[in-house]
Amino acid sequence: MFKIYLSTTELHEDDDDRRNAWDVLPEDMQRQLDILRSDELALDEAEERTERVRLVADLIASMTEKQLLVTHRRLMGYESGSVADLIY
């Protein structure tokens, strides 16, 4: 699950592609990713990746057991429904 979420945070050339990938992430995390990418922080590539890893780890650590199971089933295709359905 970590790898799947981390891959959604990676850079995309097109803002629309980035937004589509981010749809599976909570809005708060999307805002935090926008801040990371802003010129205000002026992070180099390694620092940005470290922060993205931390954000994904924090997201997963904050999920309840039920949220983790439901999300995993949806991401792996074991359960119907959309990964974009709110479970938080």
C-alpha atoms as a PDB file:
ATOM      1  CA  MET A   1       0.000   0.000   0.000  1.00  0.00           C
ATOM      2  CA  PHE A   2       2.885   2.333   0.798  1.00  0.00           C
ATOM      3  CA  LYS A   3       4.331   1.980  -2.717  1.00  0.00           C
ATOM      4  CA  ILE A   4       0.951   2.641  -4.327  1.00  0.00           C
ATOM      5  CA  TYR A   5       0.339   5.793  -2.319  1.00  0.00           C
ATOM      6  CA  LEU A   6       3.908   6.999  -2.794  1.00  0.00           C
ATOM      7  CA  SER A   7       3.667   6.546  -6.557  1.00  0.00           C
ATOM      8  CA  THR A   8       0.599   8.819  -6.617  1.00  0.00           C
ATOM      9  CA  THR A   9       2.657  11.623  -5.053  1.00  0.00           C
ATOM     10  CA  GLU A  10       5.380  11.579  -7.702  1.00  0.00           C
ATOM     11  CA  LEU A  11       5.787  14.365 -10.208  1.00  0.00           C
ATOM     12  CA  HIS A  12       3.553  14.449 -13.257  1.00  0.00           C
ATOM     13  CA  GLU A  13       4.203  16.658 -16.241  1.00  0.00           C
ATOM     14  CA  ASP A  14       0.574  17.677 -16.602  1.00  0.00           C
ATOM     15  CA  ASP A  15      -1.383  19.228 -13.729  1.00  0.00           C
ATOM     16  CA  ASP A  16      -4.505  17.296 -14.806  1.00  0.00           C
ATOM     17  CA  ASP A  17      -2.587  13.999 -14.618  1.00  0.00           C
ATOM     18  CA  ARG A  18      -1.295  14.941 -11.180  1.00  0.00           C
ATOM     19  CA  ARG A  19      -4.760  15.838  -9.931  1.00  0.00           C
ATOM     20  CA  ASN A  20      -6.217  12.583 -11.267  1.00  0.00           C
ATOM     21  CA  ALA A  21      -3.537  10.584  -9.459  1.00  0.00           C
ATOM     22  CA  TRP A  22      -4.072  12.563  -6.266  1.00  0.00           C
ATOM     23  CA  ASP A  23      -7.822  11.844  -6.213  1.00  0.00           C
ATOM     24  CA  VAL A  24      -7.148   8.759  -4.065  1.00  0.00           C
ATOM     25  CA  LEU A  25      -5.474  10.910  -1.405  1.00  0.00           C
ATOM     26  CA  PRO A  26      -7.261  12.850   1.332  1.00  0.00           C
ATOM     27  CA  GLU A  27      -7.693  16.567   0.575  1.00  0.00           C
ATOM     28  CA  ASP A  28      -5.425  17.560   3.464  1.00  0.00           C
ATOM     29  CA  MET A  29      -2.593  15.503   2.011  1.00  0.00           C
ATOM     30  CA  GLN A  30      -3.198  17.005  -1.442  1.00  0.00           C
ATOM     31  CA  ARG A  31      -2.804  20.490   0.086  1.00  0.00           C
ATOM     32  CA  GLN A  32       0.403  19.436   1.823  1.00  0.00           C
ATOM     33  CA  LEU A  33       1.775  18.091  -1.460  1.00  0.00           C
ATOM     34  CA  ASP A  34       0.936  21.383  -3.175  1.00  0.00           C
ATOM     35  CA  ILE A  35       2.935  23.194  -0.488  1.00  0.00           C
ATOM     36  CA  LEU A  36       5.886  20.827  -0.980  1.00  0.00           C
ATOM     37  CA  ARG A  37       5.897  21.572  -4.683  1.00  0.00           C
ATOM     38  CA  SER A  38       5.633  25.307  -4.247  1.00  0.00           C
ATOM     39  CA  ASP A  39       8.604  27.551  -4.858  1.00  0.00           C
ATOM     40  CA  GLU A  40       8.232  28.972  -1.336  1.00  0.00           C
ATOM     41  CA  LEU A  41       9.948  25.984   0.276  1.00  0.00           C
ATOM     42  CA  ALA A  42      12.635  25.653  -2.396  1.00  0.00           C
ATOM     43  CA  LEU A  43      13.282  21.981  -1.588  1.00  0.00           C
ATOM     44  CA  ASP A  44      15.740  20.031  -3.652  1.00  0.00           C
ATOM     45  CA  GLU A  45      14.644  16.715  -5.167  1.00  0.00           C
ATOM     46  CA  ALA A  46      15.942  14.565  -2.288  1.00  0.00           C
ATOM     47  CA  GLU A  47      14.310  16.753   0.367  1.00  0.00           C
ATOM     48  CA  GLU A  48      11.001  16.717  -1.489  1.00  0.00           C
ATOM     49  CA  ARG A  49      11.061  12.915  -1.780  1.00  0.00           C
ATOM     50  CA  THR A  50      11.861  12.596   1.938  1.00  0.00           C
ATOM     51  CA  GLU A  51       8.871  14.780   2.768  1.00  0.00           C
ATOM     52  CA  ARG A  52       6.590  12.810   0.419  1.00  0.00           C
ATOM     53  CA  VAL A  53       7.697   9.554   2.075  1.00  0.00           C
ATOM     54  CA  ARG A  54       6.923  11.062   5.483  1.00  0.00           C
ATOM     55  CA  LEU A  55       3.473  12.227   4.342  1.00  0.00           C
ATOM     56  CA  VAL A  56       2.581   8.771   3.013  1.00  0.00           C
ATOM     57  CA  ALA A  57       3.873   7.088   6.178  1.00  0.00           C
ATOM     58  CA  ASP A  58       1.839   9.512   8.301  1.00  0.00           C
ATOM     59  CA  LEU A  59      -1.276   8.839   6.221  1.00  0.00           C
ATOM     60  CA  ILE A  60      -1.006   5.076   6.594  1.00  0.00           C
ATOM     61  CA  ALA A  61      -0.108   5.312  10.292  1.00  0.00           C
ATOM     62  CA  SER A  62      -3.203   7.428  10.935  1.00  0.00           C
ATOM     63  CA  MET A  63      -5.595   4.924   9.345  1.00  0.00           C
ATOM     64  CA  THR A  64      -7.646   2.569  11.455  1.00  0.00           C
ATOM     65  CA  GLU A  65      -7.409  -1.170  10.893  1.00  0.00           C
ATOM     66  CA  LYS A  66     -10.767  -1.139   9.101  1.00  0.00           C
ATOM     67  CA  GLN A  67      -9.680   1.724   6.837  1.00  0.00           C
ATOM     68  CA  LEU A  68      -6.471  -0.134   5.979  1.00  0.00           C
ATOM     69  CA  LEU A  69      -8.310  -3.355   5.132  1.00  0.00           C
ATOM     70  CA  VAL A  70     -10.944  -1.631   2.996  1.00  0.00           C
ATOM     71  CA  THR A  71      -8.336   0.460   1.172  1.00  0.00           C
ATOM     72  CA  HIS A  72      -6.090  -2.546   0.550  1.00  0.00           C
ATOM     73  CA  ARG A  73      -8.984  -4.603  -0.822  1.00  0.00           C
ATOM     74  CA  ARG A  74      -9.991  -1.785  -3.167  1.00  0.00           C
ATOM     75  CA  LEU A  75      -6.460  -1.083  -4.356  1.00  0.00           C
ATOM     76  CA  MET A  76      -5.841  -4.786  -5.017  1.00  0.00           C
ATOM     77  CA  GLY A  77      -9.211  -5.271  -6.756  1.00  0.00           C
ATOM     78  CA  TYR A  78     -10.616  -7.718  -4.193  1.00  0.00           C
ATOM     79  CA  GLU A  79     -13.556  -5.493  -3.326  1.00  0.00           C
ATOM     80  CA  SER A  80     -15.821  -3.512  -5.575  1.00  0.00           C
ATOM     81  CA  GLY A  81     -16.046   0.185  -5.165  1.00  0.00           C
ATOM     82  CA  SER A  82     -13.790   2.995  -6.116  1.00  0.00           C
ATOM     83  CA  VAL A  83     -10.475   3.778  -4.443  1.00  0.00           C
ATOM     84  CA  ALA A  84     -11.722   7.358  -4.486  1.00  0.00           C
ATOM     85  CA  ASP A  85     -14.677   6.495  -2.197  1.00  0.00           C
ATOM     86  CA  LEU A  86     -14.268   8.232   1.113  1.00  0.00           C
ATOM     87  CA  ILE A  87     -13.312   5.873   3.926  1.00  0.00           C
ATOM     88  CA  TYR A  88     -11.780   8.404   6.299  1.00  0.00           C
END
